[in-house]
Amino acid sequence: MFAAGVGREEKRMYGLIGKMTATPGSRDALVAILLEGTTAMPGCLGYVVAHDPANADAIWITEVWDSEASHKESLSLPAVQAAIARARPLIAGFSDRVVTTPVGGVGLGAVRGD
């Protein structure tokens, strides 16, 4: 029998929340590209793109992954690489990037290190 947390690795979800600003007038096109490139990403538990109501060119992206490794691996997927290439000219900048450790919520089960 193991003591709590000893002899096994606890599995933790990985989350990102970030603000992206599109070039003037291209927010909807950028959103469409981001949503197209996210249909099949192994380990992705949630990917939400939202308009920023205070800035007509800004969006917020909230991601939840089963692990940080799954997020890193997703960046090499052909569909994600293609979306990045198409989106790059429409991106004016990034800000407010925060890494989180999700523990559960609507649509997400709590992940335990069993």
PDB file of N, CA and C in Angstrom:
ATOM      1  N   MET A   1       0.840  -1.170   0.000  1.00  0.00           N
ATOM      2  CA  MET A   1       0.000   0.000   0.000  1.00  0.00           C
ATOM      3  C   MET A   1       0.889   1.237   0.000  1.00  0.00           C
ATOM      4  N   PHE A   2       0.517   2.219  -0.800  1.00  0.00           N
ATOM      5  CA  PHE A   2       1.277   3.456  -0.895  1.00  0.00           C
ATOM      6  C   PHE A   2       0.640   4.536  -0.048  1.00  0.00           C
ATOM      7  N   ALA A   3       1.472   5.375   0.517  1.00  0.00           N
ATOM      8  CA  ALA A   3       0.949   6.572   1.183  1.00  0.00           C
ATOM      9  C   ALA A   3       0.428   7.504   0.098  1.00  0.00           C
ATOM     10  N   ALA A   4      -0.489   8.345   0.462  1.00  0.00           N
ATOM     11  CA  ALA A   4      -1.079   9.269  -0.519  1.00  0.00           C
ATOM     12  C   ALA A   4       0.002  10.026  -1.259  1.00  0.00           C
ATOM     13  N   GLY A   5      -0.029   9.937  -2.594  1.00  0.00           N
ATOM     14  CA  GLY A   5       0.899  10.692  -3.420  1.00  0.00           C
ATOM     15  C   GLY A   5       2.282  10.087  -3.539  1.00  0.00           C
ATOM     16  N   VAL A   6       2.517   8.932  -2.885  1.00  0.00           N
ATOM     17  CA  VAL A   6       3.836   8.316  -2.936  1.00  0.00           C
ATOM     18  C   VAL A   6       3.765   7.105  -3.866  1.00  0.00           C
ATOM     19  N   GLY A   7       4.709   6.981  -4.754  1.00  0.00           N
ATOM     20  CA  GLY A   7       4.805   5.823  -5.617  1.00  0.00           C
ATOM     21  C   GLY A   7       3.965   5.894  -6.880  1.00  0.00           C
ATOM     22  N   ARG A   8       3.292   6.981  -7.092  1.00  0.00           N
ATOM     23  CA  ARG A   8       2.537   7.148  -8.328  1.00  0.00           C
ATOM     24  C   ARG A   8       2.506   8.626  -8.681  1.00  0.00           C
ATOM     25  N   GLU A   9       2.358   8.880  -9.954  1.00  0.00           N
ATOM     26  CA  GLU A   9       2.335  10.264 -10.423  1.00  0.00           C
ATOM     27  C   GLU A   9       0.888  10.730 -10.537  1.00  0.00           C
ATOM     28  N   GLU A  10       0.575  11.862  -9.934  1.00  0.00           N
ATOM     29  CA  GLU A  10      -0.773  12.406 -10.019  1.00  0.00           C
ATOM     30  C   GLU A  10      -0.984  13.014 -11.396  1.00  0.00           C
ATOM     31  N   LYS A  11      -2.109  12.673 -12.030  1.00  0.00           N
ATOM     32  CA  LYS A  11      -2.422  13.224 -13.339  1.00  0.00           C
ATOM     33  C   LYS A  11      -3.158  14.546 -13.146  1.00  0.00           C
ATOM     34  N   ARG A  12      -2.663  15.577 -13.778  1.00  0.00           N
ATOM     35  CA  ARG A  12      -3.267  16.894 -13.668  1.00  0.00           C
ATOM     36  C   ARG A  12      -3.627  17.415 -15.040  1.00  0.00           C
ATOM     37  N   MET A  13      -4.784  18.059 -15.090  1.00  0.00           N
ATOM     38  CA  MET A  13      -5.159  18.711 -16.330  1.00  0.00           C
ATOM     39  C   MET A  13      -4.296  19.961 -16.505  1.00  0.00           C
ATOM     40  N   TYR A  14      -4.273  20.462 -17.719  1.00  0.00           N
ATOM     41  CA  TYR A  14      -3.479  21.645 -18.067  1.00  0.00           C
ATOM     42  C   TYR A  14      -4.403  22.628 -18.751  1.00  0.00           C
ATOM     43  N   GLY A  15      -4.374  23.867 -18.322  1.00  0.00           N
ATOM     44  CA  GLY A  15      -5.237  24.872 -18.908  1.00  0.00           C
ATOM     45  C   GLY A  15      -4.484  26.112 -19.345  1.00  0.00           C
ATOM     46  N   LEU A  16      -5.019  26.764 -20.347  1.00  0.00           N
ATOM     47  CA  LEU A  16      -4.481  28.034 -20.836  1.00  0.00           C
ATOM     48  C   LEU A  16      -5.649  28.984 -21.077  1.00  0.00           C
ATOM     49  N   ILE A  17      -5.459  30.222 -20.694  1.00  0.00           N
ATOM     50  CA  ILE A  17      -6.414  31.276 -21.012  1.00  0.00           C
ATOM     51  C   ILE A  17      -5.589  32.424 -21.578  1.00  0.00           C
ATOM     52  N   GLY A  18      -5.948  32.898 -22.758  1.00  0.00           N
ATOM     53  CA  GLY A  18      -5.164  33.962 -23.371  1.00  0.00           C
ATOM     54  C   GLY A  18      -5.999  34.880 -24.225  1.00  0.00           C
ATOM     55  N   LYS A  19      -5.515  36.087 -24.352  1.00  0.00           N
ATOM     56  CA  LYS A  19      -6.171  37.086 -25.184  1.00  0.00           C
ATOM     57  C   LYS A  19      -5.359  37.254 -26.465  1.00  0.00           C
ATOM     58  N   MET A  20      -6.062  37.258 -27.592  1.00  0.00           N
ATOM     59  CA  MET A  20      -5.431  37.452 -28.893  1.00  0.00           C
ATOM     60  C   MET A  20      -6.143  38.631 -29.564  1.00  0.00           C
ATOM     61  N   THR A  21      -5.371  39.482 -30.195  1.00  0.00           N
ATOM     62  CA  THR A  21      -5.947  40.612 -30.914  1.00  0.00           C
ATOM     63  C   THR A  21      -5.730  40.410 -32.404  1.00  0.00           C
ATOM     64  N   ALA A  22      -6.820  40.523 -33.145  1.00  0.00           N
ATOM     65  CA  ALA A  22      -6.769  40.372 -34.598  1.00  0.00           C
ATOM     66  C   ALA A  22      -6.400  41.708 -35.237  1.00  0.00           C
ATOM     67  N   THR A  23      -5.909  41.648 -36.457  1.00  0.00           N
ATOM     68  CA  THR A  23      -5.702  42.876 -37.207  1.00  0.00           C
ATOM     69  C   THR A  23      -7.081  43.514 -37.409  1.00  0.00           C
ATOM     70  N   PRO A  24      -7.153  44.836 -37.531  1.00  0.00           N
ATOM     71  CA  PRO A  24      -8.449  45.514 -37.615  1.00  0.00           C
ATOM     72  C   PRO A  24      -9.381  44.896 -38.668  1.00  0.00           C
ATOM     73  N   GLY A  25     -10.591  44.568 -38.200  1.00  0.00           N
ATOM     74  CA  GLY A  25     -11.613  44.044 -39.085  1.00  0.00           C
ATOM     75  C   GLY A  25     -11.528  42.570 -39.419  1.00  0.00           C
ATOM     76  N   SER A  26     -10.552  41.842 -38.866  1.00  0.00           N
ATOM     77  CA  SER A  26     -10.392  40.436 -39.253  1.00  0.00           C
ATOM     78  C   SER A  26     -10.709  39.450 -38.119  1.00  0.00           C
ATOM     79  N   ARG A  27     -11.353  39.932 -37.063  1.00  0.00           N
ATOM     80  CA  ARG A  27     -11.621  39.050 -35.921  1.00  0.00           C
ATOM     81  C   ARG A  27     -12.450  37.831 -36.325  1.00  0.00           C
ATOM     82  N   ASP A  28     -13.523  38.011 -37.076  1.00  0.00           N
ATOM     83  CA  ASP A  28     -14.384  36.878 -37.428  1.00  0.00           C
ATOM     84  C   ASP A  28     -13.651  35.851 -38.291  1.00  0.00           C
ATOM     85  N   ALA A  29     -12.822  36.322 -39.198  1.00  0.00           N
ATOM     86  CA  ALA A  29     -12.033  35.404 -40.030  1.00  0.00           C
ATOM     87  C   ALA A  29     -11.034  34.623 -39.178  1.00  0.00           C
ATOM     88  N   LEU A  30     -10.414  35.302 -38.214  1.00  0.00           N
ATOM     89  CA  LEU A  30      -9.466  34.641 -37.312  1.00  0.00           C
ATOM     90  C   LEU A  30     -10.180  33.592 -36.463  1.00  0.00           C
ATOM     91  N   VAL A  31     -11.331  33.932 -35.925  1.00  0.00           N
ATOM     92  CA  VAL A  31     -12.105  32.983 -35.124  1.00  0.00           C
ATOM     93  C   VAL A  31     -12.450  31.749 -35.949  1.00  0.00           C
ATOM     94  N   ALA A  32     -12.894  31.942 -37.185  1.00  0.00           N
ATOM     95  CA  ALA A  32     -13.253  30.811 -38.047  1.00  0.00           C
ATOM     96  C   ALA A  32     -12.062  29.881 -38.253  1.00  0.00           C
ATOM     97  N   ILE A  33     -10.894  30.438 -38.481  1.00  0.00           N
ATOM     98  CA  ILE A  33      -9.691  29.617 -38.683  1.00  0.00           C
ATOM     99  C   ILE A  33      -9.359  28.847 -37.412  1.00  0.00           C
ATOM    100  N   LEU A  34      -9.407  29.516 -36.265  1.00  0.00           N
ATOM    101  CA  LEU A  34      -9.078  28.852 -35.002  1.00  0.00           C
ATOM    102  C   LEU A  34     -10.040  27.706 -34.711  1.00  0.00           C
ATOM    103  N   LEU A  35     -11.292  27.891 -35.014  1.00  0.00           N
ATOM    104  CA  LEU A  35     -12.270  26.832 -34.750  1.00  0.00           C
ATOM    105  C   LEU A  35     -12.153  25.676 -35.738  1.00  0.00           C
ATOM    106  N   GLU A  36     -11.771  25.954 -36.980  1.00  0.00           N
ATOM    107  CA  GLU A  36     -11.589  24.886 -37.977  1.00  0.00           C
ATOM    108  C   GLU A  36     -10.431  23.976 -37.597  1.00  0.00           C
ATOM    109  N   GLY A  37      -9.371  24.539 -37.045  1.00  0.00           N
ATOM    110  CA  GLY A  37      -8.162  23.771 -36.752  1.00  0.00           C
ATOM    111  C   GLY A  37      -8.219  22.979 -35.466  1.00  0.00           C
ATOM    112  N   THR A  38      -9.388  22.935 -34.820  1.00  0.00           N
ATOM    113  CA  THR A  38      -9.452  22.304 -33.499  1.00  0.00           C
ATOM    114  C   THR A  38     -10.383  21.105 -33.431  1.00  0.00           C
ATOM    115  N   THR A  39     -10.737  20.546 -34.556  1.00  0.00           N
ATOM    116  CA  THR A  39     -11.727  19.474 -34.548  1.00  0.00           C
ATOM    117  C   THR A  39     -11.207  18.145 -33.999  1.00  0.00           C
ATOM    118  N   ALA A  40      -9.959  17.837 -34.181  1.00  0.00           N
ATOM    119  CA  ALA A  40      -9.427  16.546 -33.725  1.00  0.00           C
ATOM    120  C   ALA A  40      -8.069  16.740 -33.059  1.00  0.00           C
ATOM    121  N   MET A  41      -8.110  17.086 -31.771  1.00  0.00           N
ATOM    122  CA  MET A  41      -6.877  17.274 -31.023  1.00  0.00           C
ATOM    123  C   MET A  41      -6.893  16.316 -29.839  1.00  0.00           C
ATOM    124  N   PRO A  42      -6.173  15.194 -29.932  1.00  0.00           N
ATOM    125  CA  PRO A  42      -6.160  14.226 -28.838  1.00  0.00           C
ATOM    126  C   PRO A  42      -5.761  14.884 -27.519  1.00  0.00           C
ATOM    127  N   GLY A  43      -6.529  14.602 -26.485  1.00  0.00           N
ATOM    128  CA  GLY A  43      -6.246  15.137 -25.163  1.00  0.00           C
ATOM    129  C   GLY A  43      -6.907  16.470 -24.878  1.00  0.00           C
ATOM    130  N   CYS A  44      -7.525  17.091 -25.885  1.00  0.00           N
ATOM    131  CA  CYS A  44      -8.194  18.373 -25.685  1.00  0.00           C
ATOM    132  C   CYS A  44      -9.570  18.112 -25.087  1.00  0.00           C
ATOM    133  N   LEU A  45      -9.793  18.641 -23.884  1.00  0.00           N
ATOM    134  CA  LEU A  45     -11.063  18.465 -23.197  1.00  0.00           C
ATOM    135  C   LEU A  45     -11.986  19.666 -23.392  1.00  0.00           C
ATOM    136  N   GLY A  46     -11.412  20.782 -23.789  1.00  0.00           N
ATOM    137  CA  GLY A  46     -12.208  21.976 -24.023  1.00  0.00           C
ATOM    138  C   GLY A  46     -11.403  23.030 -24.751  1.00  0.00           C
ATOM    139  N   TYR A  47     -12.019  23.668 -25.733  1.00  0.00           N
ATOM    140  CA  TYR A  47     -11.369  24.731 -26.494  1.00  0.00           C
ATOM    141  C   TYR A  47     -12.464  25.733 -26.834  1.00  0.00           C
ATOM    142  N   VAL A  48     -12.442  26.883 -26.184  1.00  0.00           N
ATOM    143  CA  VAL A  48     -13.492  27.883 -26.349  1.00  0.00           C
ATOM    144  C   VAL A  48     -12.871  29.177 -26.854  1.00  0.00           C
ATOM    145  N   VAL A  49     -13.422  29.688 -27.945  1.00  0.00           N
ATOM    146  CA  VAL A  49     -13.007  30.978 -28.490  1.00  0.00           C
ATOM    147  C   VAL A  49     -14.175  31.933 -28.260  1.00  0.00           C
ATOM    148  N   ALA A  50     -13.890  33.088 -27.633  1.00  0.00           N
ATOM    149  CA  ALA A  50     -14.951  34.040 -27.296  1.00  0.00           C
ATOM    150  C   ALA A  50     -14.568  35.446 -27.739  1.00  0.00           C
ATOM    151  N   HIS A  51     -15.570  36.188 -28.208  1.00  0.00           N
ATOM    152  CA  HIS A  51     -15.359  37.607 -28.525  1.00  0.00           C
ATOM    153  C   HIS A  51     -15.160  38.389 -27.230  1.00  0.00           C
ATOM    154  N   ASP A  52     -14.303  39.381 -27.279  1.00  0.00           N
ATOM    155  CA  ASP A  52     -14.144  40.324 -26.171  1.00  0.00           C
ATOM    156  C   ASP A  52     -15.126  41.465 -26.432  1.00  0.00           C
ATOM    157  N   PRO A  53     -16.154  41.633 -25.603  1.00  0.00           N
ATOM    158  CA  PRO A  53     -17.155  42.662 -25.878  1.00  0.00           C
ATOM    159  C   PRO A  53     -16.626  44.092 -25.748  1.00  0.00           C
ATOM    160  N   ALA A  54     -15.469  44.256 -25.113  1.00  0.00           N
ATOM    161  CA  ALA A  54     -14.904  45.595 -24.937  1.00  0.00           C
ATOM    162  C   ALA A  54     -13.942  45.990 -26.049  1.00  0.00           C
ATOM    163  N   ASN A  55     -13.599  45.042 -26.950  1.00  0.00           N
ATOM    164  CA  ASN A  55     -12.628  45.320 -28.003  1.00  0.00           C
ATOM    165  C   ASN A  55     -13.052  44.538 -29.253  1.00  0.00           C
ATOM    166  N   ALA A  56     -13.459  45.243 -30.287  1.00  0.00           N
ATOM    167  CA  ALA A  56     -13.987  44.615 -31.507  1.00  0.00           C
ATOM    168  C   ALA A  56     -12.970  43.763 -32.252  1.00  0.00           C
ATOM    169  N   ASP A  57     -11.690  43.866 -31.902  1.00  0.00           N
ATOM    170  CA  ASP A  57     -10.664  43.073 -32.574  1.00  0.00           C
ATOM    171  C   ASP A  57     -10.089  41.962 -31.695  1.00  0.00           C
ATOM    172  N   ALA A  58     -10.567  41.841 -30.447  1.00  0.00           N
ATOM    173  CA  ALA A  58      -9.960  40.895 -29.503  1.00  0.00           C
ATOM    174  C   ALA A  58     -10.820  39.668 -29.276  1.00  0.00           C
ATOM    175  N   ILE A  59     -10.137  38.564 -28.997  1.00  0.00           N
ATOM    176  CA  ILE A  59     -10.789  37.315 -28.620  1.00  0.00           C
ATOM    177  C   ILE A  59     -10.061  36.726 -27.412  1.00  0.00           C
ATOM    178  N   TRP A  60     -10.781  35.899 -26.680  1.00  0.00           N
ATOM    179  CA  TRP A  60     -10.214  35.139 -25.567  1.00  0.00           C
ATOM    180  C   TRP A  60     -10.294  33.662 -25.923  1.00  0.00           C
ATOM    181  N   ILE A  61      -9.226  32.942 -25.656  1.00  0.00           N
ATOM    182  CA  ILE A  61      -9.190  31.504 -25.928  1.00  0.00           C
ATOM    183  C   ILE A  61      -8.954  30.794 -24.600  1.00  0.00           C
ATOM    184  N   THR A  62      -9.851  29.859 -24.280  1.00  0.00           N
ATOM    185  CA  THR A  62      -9.736  29.067 -23.059  1.00  0.00           C
ATOM    186  C   THR A  62      -9.568  27.615 -23.472  1.00  0.00           C
ATOM    187  N   GLU A  63      -8.486  27.001 -23.025  1.00  0.00           N
ATOM    188  CA  GLU A  63      -8.185  25.619 -23.388  1.00  0.00           C
ATOM    189  C   GLU A  63      -8.057  24.767 -22.132  1.00  0.00           C
ATOM    190  N   VAL A  64      -8.553  23.535 -22.209  1.00  0.00           N
ATOM    191  CA  VAL A  64      -8.348  22.550 -21.149  1.00  0.00           C
ATOM    192  C   VAL A  64      -7.866  21.262 -21.804  1.00  0.00           C
ATOM    193  N   TRP A  65      -6.762  20.761 -21.288  1.00  0.00           N
ATOM    194  CA  TRP A  65      -6.127  19.559 -21.829  1.00  0.00           C
ATOM    195  C   TRP A  65      -5.991  18.514 -20.736  1.00  0.00           C
ATOM    196  N   ASP A  66      -5.918  17.249 -21.130  1.00  0.00           N
ATOM    197  CA  ASP A  66      -5.721  16.205 -20.131  1.00  0.00           C
ATOM    198  C   ASP A  66      -4.313  16.250 -19.536  1.00  0.00           C
ATOM    199  N   SER A  67      -3.388  16.912 -20.237  1.00  0.00           N
ATOM    200  CA  SER A  67      -2.027  17.071 -19.730  1.00  0.00           C
ATOM    201  C   SER A  67      -1.298  18.143 -20.539  1.00  0.00           C
ATOM    202  N   GLU A  68      -0.224  18.648 -19.973  1.00  0.00           N
ATOM    203  CA  GLU A  68       0.600  19.613 -20.707  1.00  0.00           C
ATOM    204  C   GLU A  68       1.228  18.963 -21.932  1.00  0.00           C
ATOM    205  N   ALA A  69       1.577  17.689 -21.810  1.00  0.00           N
ATOM    206  CA  ALA A  69       2.183  16.974 -22.943  1.00  0.00           C
ATOM    207  C   ALA A  69       1.223  16.919 -24.133  1.00  0.00           C
ATOM    208  N   SER A  70      -0.064  16.685 -23.880  1.00  0.00           N
ATOM    209  CA  SER A  70      -1.045  16.652 -24.976  1.00  0.00           C
ATOM    210  C   SER A  70      -1.120  18.000 -25.675  1.00  0.00           C
ATOM    211  N   HIS A  71      -1.055  19.078 -24.899  1.00  0.00           N
ATOM    212  CA  HIS A  71      -1.074  20.415 -25.507  1.00  0.00           C
ATOM    213  C   HIS A  71       0.140  20.601 -26.405  1.00  0.00           C
ATOM    214  N   LYS A  72       1.305  20.277 -25.897  1.00  0.00           N
ATOM    215  CA  LYS A  72       2.531  20.432 -26.693  1.00  0.00           C
ATOM    216  C   LYS A  72       2.484  19.587 -27.958  1.00  0.00           C
ATOM    217  N   GLU A  73       1.999  18.362 -27.843  1.00  0.00           N
ATOM    218  CA  GLU A  73       1.910  17.476 -29.004  1.00  0.00           C
ATOM    219  C   GLU A  73       0.928  18.005 -30.050  1.00  0.00           C
ATOM    220  N   SER A  74      -0.128  18.687 -29.604  1.00  0.00           N
ATOM    221  CA  SER A  74      -1.116  19.214 -30.544  1.00  0.00           C
ATOM    222  C   SER A  74      -0.519  20.238 -31.496  1.00  0.00           C
ATOM    223  N   LEU A  75       0.498  20.926 -31.044  1.00  0.00           N
ATOM    224  CA  LEU A  75       1.101  21.975 -31.872  1.00  0.00           C
ATOM    225  C   LEU A  75       1.806  21.424 -33.108  1.00  0.00           C
ATOM    226  N   SER A  76       2.058  20.111 -33.130  1.00  0.00           N
ATOM    227  CA  SER A  76       2.704  19.507 -34.303  1.00  0.00           C
ATOM    228  C   SER A  76       1.702  18.799 -35.231  1.00  0.00           C
ATOM    229  N   LEU A  77       0.429  18.797 -34.862  1.00  0.00           N
ATOM    230  CA  LEU A  77      -0.573  18.165 -35.731  1.00  0.00           C
ATOM    231  C   LEU A  77      -0.706  18.945 -37.042  1.00  0.00           C
ATOM    232  N   PRO A  78      -0.826  18.256 -38.178  1.00  0.00           N
ATOM    233  CA  PRO A  78      -0.947  18.946 -39.471  1.00  0.00           C
ATOM    234  C   PRO A  78      -2.093  19.965 -39.510  1.00  0.00           C
ATOM    235  N   ALA A  79      -3.257  19.626 -38.971  1.00  0.00           N
ATOM    236  CA  ALA A  79      -4.394  20.564 -39.001  1.00  0.00           C
ATOM    237  C   ALA A  79      -4.102  21.814 -38.171  1.00  0.00           C
ATOM    238  N   VAL A  80      -3.433  21.632 -37.047  1.00  0.00           N
ATOM    239  CA  VAL A  80      -3.092  22.774 -36.191  1.00  0.00           C
ATOM    240  C   VAL A  80      -2.017  23.621 -36.868  1.00  0.00           C
ATOM    241  N   GLN A  81      -1.024  22.990 -37.456  1.00  0.00           N
ATOM    242  CA  GLN A  81       0.021  23.723 -38.176  1.00  0.00           C
ATOM    243  C   GLN A  81      -0.584  24.532 -39.325  1.00  0.00           C
ATOM    244  N   ALA A  82      -1.522  23.947 -40.047  1.00  0.00           N
ATOM    245  CA  ALA A  82      -2.169  24.656 -41.157  1.00  0.00           C
ATOM    246  C   ALA A  82      -2.975  25.842 -40.640  1.00  0.00           C
ATOM    247  N   ALA A  83      -3.687  25.652 -39.525  1.00  0.00           N
ATOM    248  CA  ALA A  83      -4.470  26.752 -38.943  1.00  0.00           C
ATOM    249  C   ALA A  83      -3.550  27.882 -38.491  1.00  0.00           C
ATOM    250  N   ILE A  84      -2.431  27.541 -37.880  1.00  0.00           N
ATOM    251  CA  ILE A  84      -1.474  28.565 -37.437  1.00  0.00           C
ATOM    252  C   ILE A  84      -0.960  29.359 -38.631  1.00  0.00           C
ATOM    253  N   ALA A  85      -0.618  28.664 -39.696  1.00  0.00           N
ATOM    254  CA  ALA A  85      -0.093  29.340 -40.892  1.00  0.00           C
ATOM    255  C   ALA A  85      -1.128  30.282 -41.496  1.00  0.00           C
ATOM    256  N   ARG A  86      -2.388  29.842 -41.544  1.00  0.00           N
ATOM    257  CA  ARG A  86      -3.450  30.693 -42.102  1.00  0.00           C
ATOM    258  C   ARG A  86      -3.789  31.858 -41.178  1.00  0.00           C
ATOM    259  N   ALA A  87      -3.705  31.638 -39.872  1.00  0.00           N
ATOM    260  CA  ALA A  87      -4.084  32.668 -38.906  1.00  0.00           C
ATOM    261  C   ALA A  87      -3.014  33.734 -38.701  1.00  0.00           C
ATOM    262  N   ARG A  88      -1.772  33.359 -38.834  1.00  0.00           N
ATOM    263  CA  ARG A  88      -0.660  34.270 -38.512  1.00  0.00           C
ATOM    264  C   ARG A  88      -0.815  35.672 -39.108  1.00  0.00           C
ATOM    265  N   PRO A  89      -1.162  35.833 -40.400  1.00  0.00           N
ATOM    266  CA  PRO A  89      -1.278  37.192 -40.955  1.00  0.00           C
ATOM    267  C   PRO A  89      -2.432  38.009 -40.354  1.00  0.00           C
ATOM    268  N   LEU A  90      -3.380  37.337 -39.682  1.00  0.00           N
ATOM    269  CA  LEU A  90      -4.532  38.026 -39.113  1.00  0.00           C
ATOM    270  C   LEU A  90      -4.339  38.394 -37.643  1.00  0.00           C
ATOM    271  N   ILE A  91      -3.213  38.003 -37.063  1.00  0.00           N
ATOM    272  CA  ILE A  91      -2.966  38.233 -35.640  1.00  0.00           C
ATOM    273  C   ILE A  91      -2.113  39.479 -35.445  1.00  0.00           C
ATOM    274  N   ALA A  92      -2.660  40.438 -34.693  1.00  0.00           N
ATOM    275  CA  ALA A  92      -1.922  41.663 -34.366  1.00  0.00           C
ATOM    276  C   ALA A  92      -1.095  41.493 -33.099  1.00  0.00           C
ATOM    277  N   GLY A  93      -1.527  40.618 -32.188  1.00  0.00           N
ATOM    278  CA  GLY A  93      -0.765  40.424 -30.966  1.00  0.00           C
ATOM    279  C   GLY A  93      -1.432  39.494 -29.977  1.00  0.00           C
ATOM    280  N   PHE A  94      -0.669  39.169 -28.922  1.00  0.00           N
ATOM    281  CA  PHE A  94      -1.111  38.304 -27.836  1.00  0.00           C
ATOM    282  C   PHE A  94      -0.908  39.041 -26.525  1.00  0.00           C
ATOM    283  N   SER A  95      -1.759  38.754 -25.550  1.00  0.00           N
ATOM    284  CA  SER A  95      -1.562  39.329 -24.213  1.00  0.00           C
ATOM    285  C   SER A  95      -2.299  38.485 -23.189  1.00  0.00           C
ATOM    286  N   ASP A  96      -2.078  38.770 -21.943  1.00  0.00           N
ATOM    287  CA  ASP A  96      -2.816  38.163 -20.834  1.00  0.00           C
ATOM    288  C   ASP A  96      -2.849  36.637 -20.883  1.00  0.00           C
ATOM    289  N   ARG A  97      -1.720  35.994 -21.117  1.00  0.00           N
ATOM    290  CA  ARG A  97      -1.663  34.532 -21.153  1.00  0.00           C
ATOM    291  C   ARG A  97      -1.465  34.005 -19.737  1.00  0.00           C
ATOM    292  N   VAL A  98      -2.345  33.078 -19.349  1.00  0.00           N
ATOM    293  CA  VAL A  98      -2.284  32.493 -18.015  1.00  0.00           C
ATOM    294  C   VAL A  98      -2.360  30.980 -18.140  1.00  0.00           C
ATOM    295  N   VAL A  99      -1.462  30.279 -17.447  1.00  0.00           N
ATOM    296  CA  VAL A  99      -1.505  28.826 -17.360  1.00  0.00           C
ATOM    297  C   VAL A  99      -2.281  28.470 -16.092  1.00  0.00           C
ATOM    298  N   THR A 100      -3.195  27.494 -16.212  1.00  0.00           N
ATOM    299  CA  THR A 100      -3.990  27.074 -15.069  1.00  0.00           C
ATOM    300  C   THR A 100      -3.907  25.562 -14.882  1.00  0.00           C
ATOM    301  N   THR A 101      -4.383  25.084 -13.744  1.00  0.00           N
ATOM    302  CA  THR A 101      -4.516  23.656 -13.481  1.00  0.00           C
ATOM    303  C   THR A 101      -5.991  23.384 -13.184  1.00  0.00           C
ATOM    304  N   PRO A 102      -6.778  23.104 -14.224  1.00  0.00           N
ATOM    305  CA  PRO A 102      -8.198  22.821 -14.007  1.00  0.00           C
ATOM    306  C   PRO A 102      -8.372  21.602 -13.097  1.00  0.00           C
ATOM    307  N   VAL A 103      -9.397  21.640 -12.269  1.00  0.00           N
ATOM    308  CA  VAL A 103      -9.679  20.519 -11.371  1.00  0.00           C
ATOM    309  C   VAL A 103     -11.059  19.916 -11.609  1.00  0.00           C
ATOM    310  N   GLY A 104     -11.862  20.504 -12.481  1.00  0.00           N
ATOM    311  CA  GLY A 104     -13.179  19.983 -12.804  1.00  0.00           C
ATOM    312  C   GLY A 104     -14.115  21.108 -13.175  1.00  0.00           C
ATOM    313  N   GLY A 105     -15.330  20.769 -13.472  1.00  0.00           N
ATOM    314  CA  GLY A 105     -16.337  21.750 -13.827  1.00  0.00           C
ATOM    315  C   GLY A 105     -17.318  21.164 -14.812  1.00  0.00           C
ATOM    316  N   VAL A 106     -18.251  21.957 -15.268  1.00  0.00           N
ATOM    317  CA  VAL A 106     -19.255  21.492 -16.213  1.00  0.00           C
ATOM    318  C   VAL A 106     -18.532  21.001 -17.479  1.00  0.00           C
ATOM    319  N   GLY A 107     -18.793  19.767 -17.838  1.00  0.00           N
ATOM    320  CA  GLY A 107     -18.159  19.203 -19.012  1.00  0.00           C
ATOM    321  C   GLY A 107     -16.826  18.545 -18.733  1.00  0.00           C
ATOM    322  N   LEU A 108     -16.280  18.767 -17.558  1.00  0.00           N
ATOM    323  CA  LEU A 108     -14.986  18.175 -17.189  1.00  0.00           C
ATOM    324  C   LEU A 108     -15.162  17.349 -15.926  1.00  0.00           C
ATOM    325  N   GLY A 109     -14.708  16.128 -15.970  1.00  0.00           N
ATOM    326  CA  GLY A 109     -14.687  15.336 -14.742  1.00  0.00           C
ATOM    327  C   GLY A 109     -13.427  15.638 -13.977  1.00  0.00           C
ATOM    328  N   ALA A 110     -13.460  15.500 -12.689  1.00  0.00           N
ATOM    329  CA  ALA A 110     -12.241  15.669 -11.902  1.00  0.00           C
ATOM    330  C   ALA A 110     -11.266  14.575 -12.312  1.00  0.00           C
ATOM    331  N   VAL A 111     -10.022  14.918 -12.506  1.00  0.00           N
ATOM    332  CA  VAL A 111      -9.003  13.947 -12.879  1.00  0.00           C
ATOM    333  C   VAL A 111      -8.210  13.587 -11.631  1.00  0.00           C
ATOM    334  N   ARG A 112      -8.157  12.317 -11.349  1.00  0.00           N
ATOM    335  CA  ARG A 112      -7.437  11.844 -10.160  1.00  0.00           C
ATOM    336  C   ARG A 112      -6.244  11.018 -10.596  1.00  0.00           C
ATOM    337  N   GLY A 113      -5.242  10.973  -9.774  1.00  0.00           N
ATOM    338  CA  GLY A 113      -4.045  10.198 -10.068  1.00  0.00           C
ATOM    339  C   GLY A 113      -4.158   8.743  -9.678  1.00  0.00           C
ATOM    340  N   ASP A 114      -5.223   8.061 -10.126  1.00  0.00           N
ATOM    341  CA  ASP A 114      -5.413   6.643  -9.789  1.00  0.00           C
ATOM    342  C   ASP A 114      -4.464   5.763 -10.557  1.00  0.00           C
TER     343      ASP A 114
END
